[in-house]
PDB file of N, CA and C in Angstrom:
ATOM      1  N   ILE A   1       4.143   1.929  -9.745  1.00  0.00           N
ATOM      2  CA  ILE A   1       3.609   3.192  -9.287  1.00  0.00           C
ATOM      3  C   ILE A   1       3.971   3.323  -7.816  1.00  0.00           C
ATOM      4  N   ILE A   2       4.584   4.412  -7.446  1.00  0.00           N
ATOM      5  CA  ILE A   2       4.921   4.670  -6.053  1.00  0.00           C
ATOM      6  C   ILE A   2       3.712   5.297  -5.380  1.00  0.00           C
ATOM      7  N   VAL A   3       3.279   4.671  -4.289  1.00  0.00           N
ATOM      8  CA  VAL A   3       2.064   5.064  -3.601  1.00  0.00           C
ATOM      9  C   VAL A   3       2.425   5.628  -2.223  1.00  0.00           C
ATOM     10  N   PRO A   4       1.994   6.849  -1.900  1.00  0.00           N
ATOM     11  CA  PRO A   4       2.298   7.395  -0.581  1.00  0.00           C
ATOM     12  C   PRO A   4       1.461   6.726   0.502  1.00  0.00           C
ATOM     13  N   ALA A   5       1.985   6.724   1.722  1.00  0.00           N
ATOM     14  CA  ALA A   5       1.256   6.121   2.842  1.00  0.00           C
ATOM     15  C   ALA A   5       1.678   6.771   4.147  1.00  0.00           C
ATOM     16  N   LEU A   6       0.720   6.911   5.043  1.00  0.00           N
ATOM     17  CA  LEU A   6       1.034   7.341   6.399  1.00  0.00           C
ATOM     18  C   LEU A   6       1.533   6.157   7.211  1.00  0.00           C
ATOM     19  N   CYS A   7       0.948   4.979   6.947  1.00  0.00           N
ATOM     20  CA  CYS A   7       1.415   3.715   7.520  1.00  0.00           C
ATOM     21  C   CYS A   7       0.855   2.594   6.651  1.00  0.00           C
ATOM     22  N   CYS A   8       1.343   1.378   6.872  1.00  0.00           N
ATOM     23  CA  CYS A   8       0.884   0.235   6.073  1.00  0.00           C
ATOM     24  C   CYS A   8       1.088  -1.041   6.876  1.00  0.00           C
ATOM     25  N   ASP A   9       0.600  -2.153   6.335  1.00  0.00           N
ATOM     26  CA  ASP A   9       0.880  -3.461   6.928  1.00  0.00           C
ATOM     27  C   ASP A   9       1.555  -4.339   5.888  1.00  0.00           C
ATOM     28  N   LYS A  10       2.076  -5.480   6.320  1.00  0.00           N
ATOM     29  CA  LYS A  10       2.823  -6.348   5.406  1.00  0.00           C
ATOM     30  C   LYS A  10       1.922  -7.096   4.428  1.00  0.00           C
ATOM     31  N   ASN A  11       0.601  -6.937   4.554  1.00  0.00           N
ATOM     32  CA  ASN A  11      -0.328  -7.515   3.587  1.00  0.00           C
ATOM     33  C   ASN A  11      -0.505  -6.619   2.368  1.00  0.00           C
ATOM     34  N   GLY A  12       0.068  -5.422   2.419  1.00  0.00           N
ATOM     35  CA  GLY A  12      -0.015  -4.509   1.277  1.00  0.00           C
ATOM     36  C   GLY A  12      -1.092  -3.460   1.392  1.00  0.00           C
ATOM     37  N   TYR A  13      -1.772  -3.391   2.521  1.00  0.00           N
ATOM     38  CA  TYR A  13      -2.776  -2.344   2.720  1.00  0.00           C
ATOM     39  C   TYR A  13      -2.131  -1.145   3.382  1.00  0.00           C
ATOM     40  N   ARG A  14      -2.664   0.020   3.098  1.00  0.00           N
ATOM     41  CA  ARG A  14      -2.063   1.248   3.598  1.00  0.00           C
ATOM     42  C   ARG A  14      -3.132   2.203   4.074  1.00  0.00           C
ATOM     43  N   ILE A  15      -2.708   3.127   4.885  1.00  0.00           N
ATOM     44  CA  ILE A  15      -3.530   4.269   5.237  1.00  0.00           C
ATOM     45  C   ILE A  15      -2.889   5.451   4.533  1.00  0.00           C
ATOM     46  N   GLY A  16      -3.677   6.065   3.675  1.00  0.00           N
ATOM     47  CA  GLY A  16      -3.165   7.177   2.894  1.00  0.00           C
ATOM     48  C   GLY A  16      -3.612   8.502   3.477  1.00  0.00           C
ATOM     49  N   TYR A  17      -3.961   9.416   2.603  1.00  0.00           N
ATOM     50  CA  TYR A  17      -4.328  10.759   3.035  1.00  0.00           C
ATOM     51  C   TYR A  17      -5.833  11.005   2.979  1.00  0.00           C
ATOM     52  N   GLY A  18      -6.632   9.953   2.752  1.00  0.00           N
ATOM     53  CA  GLY A  18      -8.071  10.033   2.909  1.00  0.00           C
ATOM     54  C   GLY A  18      -8.903  10.446   1.719  1.00  0.00           C
ATOM     55  N   LYS A  19      -8.313  10.619   0.566  1.00  0.00           N
ATOM     56  CA  LYS A  19      -9.091  11.042  -0.605  1.00  0.00           C
ATOM     57  C   LYS A  19      -9.443   9.884  -1.541  1.00  0.00           C
ATOM     58  N   GLY A  20      -8.784   8.736  -1.419  1.00  0.00           N
ATOM     59  CA  GLY A  20      -9.079   7.581  -2.265  1.00  0.00           C
ATOM     60  C   GLY A  20      -8.577   7.689  -3.692  1.00  0.00           C
ATOM     61  N   PHE A  21      -7.713   8.655  -3.975  1.00  0.00           N
ATOM     62  CA  PHE A  21      -7.237   8.872  -5.339  1.00  0.00           C
ATOM     63  C   PHE A  21      -6.574   7.630  -5.917  1.00  0.00           C
ATOM     64  N   TYR A  22      -5.635   7.035  -5.195  1.00  0.00           N
ATOM     65  CA  TYR A  22      -4.894   5.889  -5.721  1.00  0.00           C
ATOM     66  C   TYR A  22      -5.791   4.661  -5.853  1.00  0.00           C
ATOM     67  N   ASP A  23      -6.697   4.438  -4.913  1.00  0.00           N
ATOM     68  CA  ASP A  23      -7.615   3.300  -5.010  1.00  0.00           C
ATOM     69  C   ASP A  23      -8.495   3.417  -6.253  1.00  0.00           C
ATOM     70  N   ARG A  24      -9.012   4.592  -6.518  1.00  0.00           N
ATOM     71  CA  ARG A  24      -9.831   4.800  -7.732  1.00  0.00           C
ATOM     72  C   ARG A  24      -8.995   4.625  -8.990  1.00  0.00           C
ATOM     73  N   PHE A  25      -7.770   5.156  -8.981  1.00  0.00           N
ATOM     74  CA  PHE A  25      -6.885   5.020 -10.139  1.00  0.00           C
ATOM     75  C   PHE A  25      -6.614   3.545 -10.445  1.00  0.00           C
ATOM     76  N   PHE A  26      -6.305   2.754  -9.413  1.00  0.00           N
ATOM     77  CA  PHE A  26      -6.010   1.333  -9.622  1.00  0.00           C
ATOM     78  C   PHE A  26      -7.236   0.579 -10.124  1.00  0.00           C
ATOM     79  N   LYS A  27      -8.420   0.880  -9.627  1.00  0.00           N
ATOM     80  CA  LYS A  27      -9.634   0.212 -10.101  1.00  0.00           C
ATOM     81  C   LYS A  27      -9.897   0.534 -11.566  1.00  0.00           C
ATOM     82  N   GLN A  28      -9.663   1.771 -11.984  1.00  0.00           N
ATOM     83  CA  GLN A  28      -9.925   2.187 -13.357  1.00  0.00           C
ATOM     84  C   GLN A  28      -8.890   1.654 -14.340  1.00  0.00           C
ATOM     85  N   ASN A  29      -7.673   1.477 -13.899  1.00  0.00           N
ATOM     86  CA  ASN A  29      -6.573   1.144 -14.801  1.00  0.00           C
ATOM     87  C   ASN A  29      -6.051  -0.274 -14.656  1.00  0.00           C
ATOM     88  N   GLY A  30      -6.793  -1.128 -13.999  1.00  0.00           N
ATOM     89  CA  GLY A  30      -6.383  -2.523 -13.889  1.00  0.00           C
ATOM     90  C   GLY A  30      -5.261  -2.740 -12.893  1.00  0.00           C
ATOM     91  N   SER A  31      -4.716  -3.938 -12.929  1.00  0.00           N
ATOM     92  CA  SER A  31      -3.715  -4.301 -11.923  1.00  0.00           C
ATOM     93  C   SER A  31      -2.383  -4.695 -12.556  1.00  0.00           C
ATOM     94  N   LYS A  32      -2.097  -4.214 -13.750  1.00  0.00           N
ATOM     95  CA  LYS A  32      -0.845  -4.587 -14.413  1.00  0.00           C
ATOM     96  C   LYS A  32       0.355  -3.857 -13.841  1.00  0.00           C
ATOM     97  N   GLN A  33       0.119  -2.708 -13.221  1.00  0.00           N
ATOM     98  CA  GLN A  33       1.229  -1.943 -12.671  1.00  0.00           C
ATOM     99  C   GLN A  33       1.652  -2.521 -11.320  1.00  0.00           C
ATOM    100  N   LYS A  34       2.945  -2.465 -11.049  1.00  0.00           N
ATOM    101  CA  LYS A  34       3.430  -2.799  -9.712  1.00  0.00           C
ATOM    102  C   LYS A  34       3.143  -1.611  -8.815  1.00  0.00           C
ATOM    103  N   ARG A  35       2.629  -1.882  -7.644  1.00  0.00           N
ATOM    104  CA  ARG A  35       2.276  -0.839  -6.685  1.00  0.00           C
ATOM    105  C   ARG A  35       3.279  -0.894  -5.538  1.00  0.00           C
ATOM    106  N   ILE A  36       3.993   0.187  -5.334  1.00  0.00           N
ATOM    107  CA  ILE A  36       5.087   0.205  -4.369  1.00  0.00           C
ATOM    108  C   ILE A  36       4.810   1.264  -3.307  1.00  0.00           C
ATOM    109  N   ILE A  37       4.871   0.835  -2.050  1.00  0.00           N
ATOM    110  CA  ILE A  37       4.711   1.752  -0.921  1.00  0.00           C
ATOM    111  C   ILE A  37       6.094   2.098  -0.395  1.00  0.00           C
ATOM    112  N   LEU A  38       6.345   3.375  -0.197  1.00  0.00           N
ATOM    113  CA  LEU A  38       7.545   3.833   0.494  1.00  0.00           C
ATOM    114  C   LEU A  38       7.116   4.211   1.908  1.00  0.00           C
ATOM    115  N   CYS A  39       7.736   3.598   2.910  1.00  0.00           N
ATOM    116  CA  CYS A  39       7.287   3.797   4.284  1.00  0.00           C
ATOM    117  C   CYS A  39       8.451   3.551   5.238  1.00  0.00           C
ATOM    118  N   PHE A  40       8.526   4.309   6.320  1.00  0.00           N
ATOM    119  CA  PHE A  40       9.520   4.024   7.344  1.00  0.00           C
ATOM    120  C   PHE A  40       9.144   2.740   8.077  1.00  0.00           C
ATOM    121  N   SER A  41      10.120   1.955   8.459  1.00  0.00           N
ATOM    122  CA  SER A  41       9.853   0.670   9.114  1.00  0.00           C
ATOM    123  C   SER A  41       9.079   0.828  10.419  1.00  0.00           C
ATOM    124  N   ASP A  42       9.256   1.938  11.121  1.00  0.00           N
ATOM    125  CA  ASP A  42       8.510   2.181  12.360  1.00  0.00           C
ATOM    126  C   ASP A  42       7.019   2.371  12.118  1.00  0.00           C
ATOM    127  N   LEU A  43       6.632   2.622  10.882  1.00  0.00           N
ATOM    128  CA  LEU A  43       5.231   2.889  10.556  1.00  0.00           C
ATOM    129  C   LEU A  43       4.516   1.695   9.943  1.00  0.00           C
ATOM    130  N   ILE A  44       5.136   0.518   9.990  1.00  0.00           N
ATOM    131  CA  ILE A  44       4.478  -0.701   9.511  1.00  0.00           C
ATOM    132  C   ILE A  44       3.717  -1.314  10.677  1.00  0.00           C
ATOM    133  N   GLU A  45       2.418  -1.423  10.516  1.00  0.00           N
ATOM    134  CA  GLU A  45       1.530  -1.956  11.547  1.00  0.00           C
ATOM    135  C   GLU A  45       1.370  -3.462  11.368  1.00  0.00           C
ATOM    136  N   ASN A  46       0.852  -4.123  12.395  1.00  0.00           N
ATOM    137  CA  ASN A  46       0.605  -5.563  12.308  1.00  0.00           C
ATOM    138  C   ASN A  46      -0.521  -5.878  11.341  1.00  0.00           C
ATOM    139  N   ASN A  47      -1.603  -5.137  11.416  1.00  0.00           N
ATOM    140  CA  ASN A  47      -2.748  -5.428  10.559  1.00  0.00           C
ATOM    141  C   ASN A  47      -3.594  -4.165  10.427  1.00  0.00           C
ATOM    142  N   ILE A  48      -3.865  -3.780   9.199  1.00  0.00           N
ATOM    143  CA  ILE A  48      -4.769  -2.666   8.917  1.00  0.00           C
ATOM    144  C   ILE A  48      -6.043  -3.276   8.349  1.00  0.00           C
ATOM    145  N   CYS A  49      -7.179  -2.920   8.914  1.00  0.00           N
ATOM    146  CA  CYS A  49      -8.458  -3.444   8.422  1.00  0.00           C
ATOM    147  C   CYS A  49      -8.881  -2.630   7.201  1.00  0.00           C
ATOM    148  N   PRO A  50      -8.816  -3.241   6.019  1.00  0.00           N
ATOM    149  CA  PRO A  50      -9.150  -2.484   4.809  1.00  0.00           C
ATOM    150  C   PRO A  50     -10.653  -2.316   4.640  1.00  0.00           C
ATOM    151  N   ASP A  51     -11.034  -1.230   3.969  1.00  0.00           N
ATOM    152  CA  ASP A  51     -12.418  -1.044   3.550  1.00  0.00           C
ATOM    153  C   ASP A  51     -12.620  -1.791   2.240  1.00  0.00           C
ATOM    154  N   SER A  52     -13.856  -1.922   1.819  1.00  0.00           N
ATOM    155  CA  SER A  52     -14.166  -2.694   0.606  1.00  0.00           C
ATOM    156  C   SER A  52     -13.545  -2.073  -0.645  1.00  0.00           C
ATOM    157  N   PHE A  53     -13.288  -0.781  -0.657  1.00  0.00           N
ATOM    158  CA  PHE A  53     -12.746  -0.106  -1.834  1.00  0.00           C
ATOM    159  C   PHE A  53     -11.221  -0.031  -1.831  1.00  0.00           C
ATOM    160  N   ASP A  54     -10.558  -0.451  -0.753  1.00  0.00           N
ATOM    161  CA  ASP A  54      -9.099  -0.370  -0.663  1.00  0.00           C
ATOM    162  C   ASP A  54      -8.430  -1.378  -1.586  1.00  0.00           C
ATOM    163  N   GLU A  55      -7.388  -0.939  -2.256  1.00  0.00           N
ATOM    164  CA  GLU A  55      -6.613  -1.769  -3.170  1.00  0.00           C
ATOM    165  C   GLU A  55      -5.273  -2.117  -2.525  1.00  0.00           C
ATOM    166  N   LYS A  56      -4.840  -3.370  -2.686  1.00  0.00           N
ATOM    167  CA  LYS A  56      -3.566  -3.812  -2.130  1.00  0.00           C
ATOM    168  C   LYS A  56      -2.399  -3.335  -2.979  1.00  0.00           C
ATOM    169  N   CYS A  57      -1.252  -3.214  -2.328  1.00  0.00           N
ATOM    170  CA  CYS A  57      -0.012  -2.906  -3.032  1.00  0.00           C
ATOM    171  C   CYS A  57       0.857  -4.157  -3.067  1.00  0.00           C
ATOM    172  N   ASP A  58       1.872  -4.160  -3.913  1.00  0.00           N
ATOM    173  CA  ASP A  58       2.688  -5.355  -4.134  1.00  0.00           C
ATOM    174  C   ASP A  58       3.973  -5.394  -3.312  1.00  0.00           C
ATOM    175  N   ILE A  59       4.579  -4.232  -3.103  1.00  0.00           N
ATOM    176  CA  ILE A  59       5.905  -4.175  -2.484  1.00  0.00           C
ATOM    177  C   ILE A  59       5.936  -3.011  -1.495  1.00  0.00           C
ATOM    178  N   ILE A  60       6.630  -3.222  -0.371  1.00  0.00           N
ATOM    179  CA  ILE A  60       6.884  -2.148   0.586  1.00  0.00           C
ATOM    180  C   ILE A  60       8.387  -1.967   0.677  1.00  0.00           C
ATOM    181  N   ILE A  61       8.842  -0.735   0.505  1.00  0.00           N
ATOM    182  CA  ILE A  61      10.258  -0.425   0.638  1.00  0.00           C
ATOM    183  C   ILE A  61      10.427   0.488   1.848  1.00  0.00           C
ATOM    184  N   THR A  62      11.278   0.055   2.783  1.00  0.00           N
ATOM    185  CA  THR A  62      11.603   0.872   3.946  1.00  0.00           C
ATOM    186  C   THR A  62      13.081   1.241   3.871  1.00  0.00           C
ATOM    187  N   GLU A  63      13.539   1.962   4.876  1.00  0.00           N
ATOM    188  CA  GLU A  63      14.945   2.338   4.912  1.00  0.00           C
ATOM    189  C   GLU A  63      15.859   1.144   5.152  1.00  0.00           C
ATOM    190  N   SER A  64      15.292   0.021   5.635  1.00  0.00           N
ATOM    191  CA  SER A  64      16.129  -1.133   5.963  1.00  0.00           C
ATOM    192  C   SER A  64      15.728  -2.441   5.279  1.00  0.00           C
ATOM    193  N   SER A  65      14.552  -2.500   4.657  1.00  0.00           N
ATOM    194  CA  SER A  65      14.076  -3.759   4.084  1.00  0.00           C
ATOM    195  C   SER A  65      13.181  -3.537   2.876  1.00  0.00           C
ATOM    196  N   ILE A  66      12.994  -4.625   2.141  1.00  0.00           N
ATOM    197  CA  ILE A  66      12.020  -4.670   1.054  1.00  0.00           C
ATOM    198  C   ILE A  66      11.135  -5.872   1.307  1.00  0.00           C
ATOM    199  N   TYR A  67       9.820  -5.653   1.311  1.00  0.00           N
ATOM    200  CA  TYR A  67       8.855  -6.721   1.563  1.00  0.00           C
ATOM    201  C   TYR A  67       8.002  -6.950   0.330  1.00  0.00           C
ATOM    202  N   LYS A  68       7.836  -8.200  -0.045  1.00  0.00           N
ATOM    203  CA  LYS A  68       6.829  -8.563  -1.040  1.00  0.00           C
ATOM    204  C   LYS A  68       5.575  -8.871  -0.254  1.00  0.00           C
ATOM    205  N   CYS A  69       4.490  -8.201  -0.585  1.00  0.00           N
ATOM    206  CA  CYS A  69       3.267  -8.319   0.196  1.00  0.00           C
ATOM    207  C   CYS A  69       2.595  -9.666  -0.028  1.00  0.00           C
ATOM    208  N   LYS A  70       1.978 -10.142   1.033  1.00  0.00           N
ATOM    209  CA  LYS A  70       1.272 -11.428   0.993  1.00  0.00           C
ATOM    210  C   LYS A  70       0.036 -11.300   0.120  1.00  0.00           C
ATOM    211  N   CYS A  71      -0.273 -12.361  -0.598  1.00  0.00           N
ATOM    212  CA  CYS A  71      -1.474 -12.350  -1.457  1.00  0.00           C
ATOM    213  C   CYS A  71      -2.712 -12.677  -0.673  1.00  0.00           C
TER     214      CYS A  71
END
């Protein structure tokens, strides 16, 4: 599942558009799907402090790299 993000970190957490749609979808439908963030490399932060309801993503794809997120 391709997940939109305004920015993200290499741990797989992201800042989205504030509605929680994807986090709720992932909680309801389990974790069998691969979660992929598309993000520009300039928008990858060092660390985003997740809220308790935030769901991690598995892969980040930028214009120059592909990252497998840390568990």
